[in-house]
Protein backbone atom coordinates (compact mmCIF):
# COMPACT_ATOMS: atom_id res chain seq x y z
CA UNK A 1 5.91 39.97 -51.15
CA UNK A 2 2.25 41.02 -51.52
CA UNK A 3 -0.33 39.57 -49.22
CA UNK A 4 -4.09 39.66 -49.22
CA UNK A 5 -5.67 42.63 -47.38
CA UNK A 6 -6.69 41.70 -43.79
CA UNK A 7 -9.27 42.76 -41.33
CA UNK A 8 -9.19 42.17 -37.60
CA UNK A 9 -11.02 38.81 -37.97
CA UNK A 10 -8.49 37.47 -40.49
CA UNK A 11 -5.81 37.43 -37.74
CA UNK A 12 -5.61 34.42 -35.27
CA UNK A 13 -3.17 33.99 -32.35
CA UNK A 14 -0.17 31.91 -33.56
CA UNK A 15 -0.45 32.99 -37.25
CA UNK A 16 2.95 33.87 -38.67
CA UNK A 17 4.07 36.06 -41.53
CA UNK A 18 7.32 37.16 -43.19
CA UNK A 19 8.32 40.08 -45.31
CA UNK A 20 10.57 40.15 -48.31
CA UNK A 21 14.25 41.15 -47.86
CA UNK A 22 15.39 44.69 -47.68
CA UNK A 23 19.04 45.92 -47.79
CA UNK A 24 20.83 48.78 -46.23
CA UNK A 25 23.85 50.68 -47.69
CA UNK A 26 26.50 52.73 -46.00
CA UNK A 27 25.07 55.91 -47.72
CA UNK A 28 21.61 55.12 -46.42
CA UNK A 29 23.05 54.78 -42.85
CA UNK A 30 25.00 57.97 -42.92
CA UNK A 31 22.26 59.99 -44.71
CA UNK A 32 19.67 58.93 -42.06
CA UNK A 33 21.96 59.53 -39.11
CA UNK A 34 23.07 63.02 -40.25
CA UNK A 35 19.36 63.97 -40.16
CA UNK A 36 18.07 62.11 -37.09
CA UNK A 37 20.80 60.31 -35.09
CA UNK A 38 24.18 62.04 -35.69
CA UNK A 39 26.33 59.89 -33.42
CA UNK A 40 29.88 59.18 -34.52
CA UNK A 41 29.35 55.40 -34.94
CA UNK A 42 26.47 56.22 -37.44
CA UNK A 43 28.04 58.98 -39.47
CA UNK A 44 31.94 58.60 -39.38
CA UNK A 45 33.50 55.33 -40.62
CA UNK A 46 36.88 56.13 -38.88
CA UNK A 47 35.26 57.01 -35.54
CA UNK A 48 33.00 53.91 -35.87
CA UNK A 49 35.91 51.65 -36.36
CA UNK A 50 37.44 52.89 -33.08
CA UNK A 51 34.11 52.46 -31.22
CA UNK A 52 32.85 49.46 -29.39
CA UNK A 53 31.15 48.48 -32.57
CA UNK A 54 34.24 48.18 -34.64
CA UNK A 55 32.61 49.79 -37.72
CA UNK A 56 29.74 51.75 -38.98
CA UNK A 57 26.31 50.73 -37.87
CA UNK A 58 22.71 51.82 -38.51
CA UNK A 59 20.77 53.84 -36.08
CA UNK A 60 18.23 51.55 -34.24
CA UNK A 61 15.55 54.05 -35.23
CA UNK A 62 16.49 53.57 -38.91
CA UNK A 63 16.43 49.82 -38.58
CA UNK A 64 13.01 49.99 -37.01
CA UNK A 65 11.60 52.19 -39.70
CA UNK A 66 13.31 50.21 -42.59
CA UNK A 67 11.74 46.81 -41.33
CA UNK A 68 8.30 48.43 -40.70
CA UNK A 69 8.34 49.75 -44.35
CA UNK A 70 8.88 46.22 -45.42
CA UNK A 71 5.91 45.12 -43.35
CA UNK A 72 3.69 47.85 -44.89
CA UNK A 73 4.93 46.86 -48.37
CA UNK A 74 3.31 43.47 -47.88
CA UNK A 75 -0.09 45.24 -48.12
CA UNK A 76 -1.44 43.19 -45.11
CA UNK A 77 -2.52 46.42 -43.17
CA UNK A 78 -3.72 48.38 -46.17
CA UNK A 79 -7.43 47.65 -45.73
CA UNK A 80 -7.81 47.80 -42.10
CA UNK A 81 -5.10 49.89 -40.28
CA UNK A 82 -6.32 52.72 -38.09
CA UNK A 83 -2.84 53.27 -36.63
CA UNK A 84 -1.37 52.00 -33.43
CA UNK A 85 -1.69 52.84 -29.78
CA UNK A 86 2.05 51.90 -29.24
CA UNK A 87 4.78 49.36 -29.04
CA UNK A 88 6.23 47.46 -26.12
CA UNK A 89 9.61 45.86 -25.36
CA UNK A 90 11.53 47.43 -28.31
CA UNK A 91 15.01 45.90 -28.28
CA UNK A 92 18.06 46.51 -30.41
CA UNK A 93 19.79 43.09 -30.31
CA UNK A 94 22.67 43.26 -32.75
CA UNK A 95 24.07 46.11 -34.85
CA UNK A 96 22.87 46.44 -38.38
CA UNK A 97 25.85 47.15 -40.75
CA UNK A 98 26.14 48.37 -44.33
CA UNK A 99 25.36 45.57 -46.75
CA UNK A 100 23.10 43.67 -44.32
CA UNK A 101 19.88 42.39 -45.57
CA UNK A 102 16.89 42.17 -43.28
CA UNK A 103 13.58 40.27 -43.19
CA UNK A 104 10.81 40.68 -40.65
CA UNK A 105 9.12 37.74 -39.06
CA UNK A 106 5.73 38.41 -37.40
CA UNK A 107 3.59 36.35 -35.01
CA UNK A 108 0.05 37.23 -33.93
CA UNK A 109 -0.13 37.16 -30.08
CA UNK A 110 -3.73 38.44 -29.39
CA UNK A 111 -6.77 39.51 -31.32
CA UNK A 112 -9.38 41.44 -29.27
CA UNK A 113 -12.51 43.12 -30.68
CA UNK A 114 -13.26 46.51 -28.97
CA UNK A 115 -15.95 46.34 -26.28
CA UNK A 116 -17.13 49.82 -26.96
CA UNK A 117 -16.66 50.40 -30.68
CA UNK A 118 -17.82 47.42 -32.70
CA UNK A 119 -16.24 48.57 -35.99
CA UNK A 120 -12.63 47.86 -34.67
CA UNK A 121 -10.31 46.00 -32.35
CA UNK A 122 -6.72 45.52 -31.28
CA UNK A 123 -4.27 42.94 -32.56
CA UNK A 124 -0.92 42.48 -30.81
CA UNK A 125 1.81 41.21 -32.91
CA UNK A 126 5.47 40.18 -32.16
CA UNK A 127 8.02 41.36 -34.61
CA UNK A 128 11.56 39.95 -35.07
CA UNK A 129 13.97 41.57 -37.66
CA UNK A 130 16.45 39.05 -38.89
CA UNK A 131 19.70 39.62 -40.83
CA UNK A 132 21.14 37.55 -43.64
CA UNK A 133 22.99 35.36 -41.19
CA UNK A 134 19.74 34.39 -39.37
CA UNK A 135 20.58 36.57 -36.37
CA UNK A 136 17.85 38.59 -34.65
CA UNK A 137 18.79 42.28 -34.76
CA UNK A 138 15.54 43.89 -33.34
CA UNK A 139 12.39 42.87 -31.69
CA UNK A 140 9.29 44.48 -30.30
CA UNK A 141 5.53 43.90 -29.86
CA UNK A 142 3.13 46.25 -31.54
CA UNK A 143 -0.58 46.90 -30.97
CA UNK A 144 -2.47 47.46 -34.10
CA UNK A 145 -5.83 49.21 -34.25
CA UNK A 146 -7.61 47.48 -37.00
CA UNK A 147 -11.08 47.78 -38.69
CA UNK A 148 -13.41 44.77 -38.47
CA UNK A 149 -14.73 43.34 -41.77
CA UNK A 150 -17.52 45.51 -43.17
């Protein structure tokens, strides 16, 4: 879902956005976990079935990255992103399983031009990753360092 390119001034508190859907397969879950988060419930279907999760689940870090890629694929940060000073309140709310499809809902919380650098500012945005059942699976608030309109 392509969006127009935004600068800091284009965001207003209360504005909402949504990404297109992105799916995740068992192979993607296992491949990621083998490299970055090799816990039994991410890499071994049998061990995962016997775990508190009752089956294979994606690493929370993979879920975070997968959804954020969907955000970047919208193009909304292409023109103005200067990175991020960080995220707050990252929560993994429900396991993400093979075959799940996620969308990301975003809401602008704050827009603040820099006091010392007039070419940029900070936009705080709340993120909710939602599965195909409408359940929230991940949430966080990010601070985006964005260019102001030239």
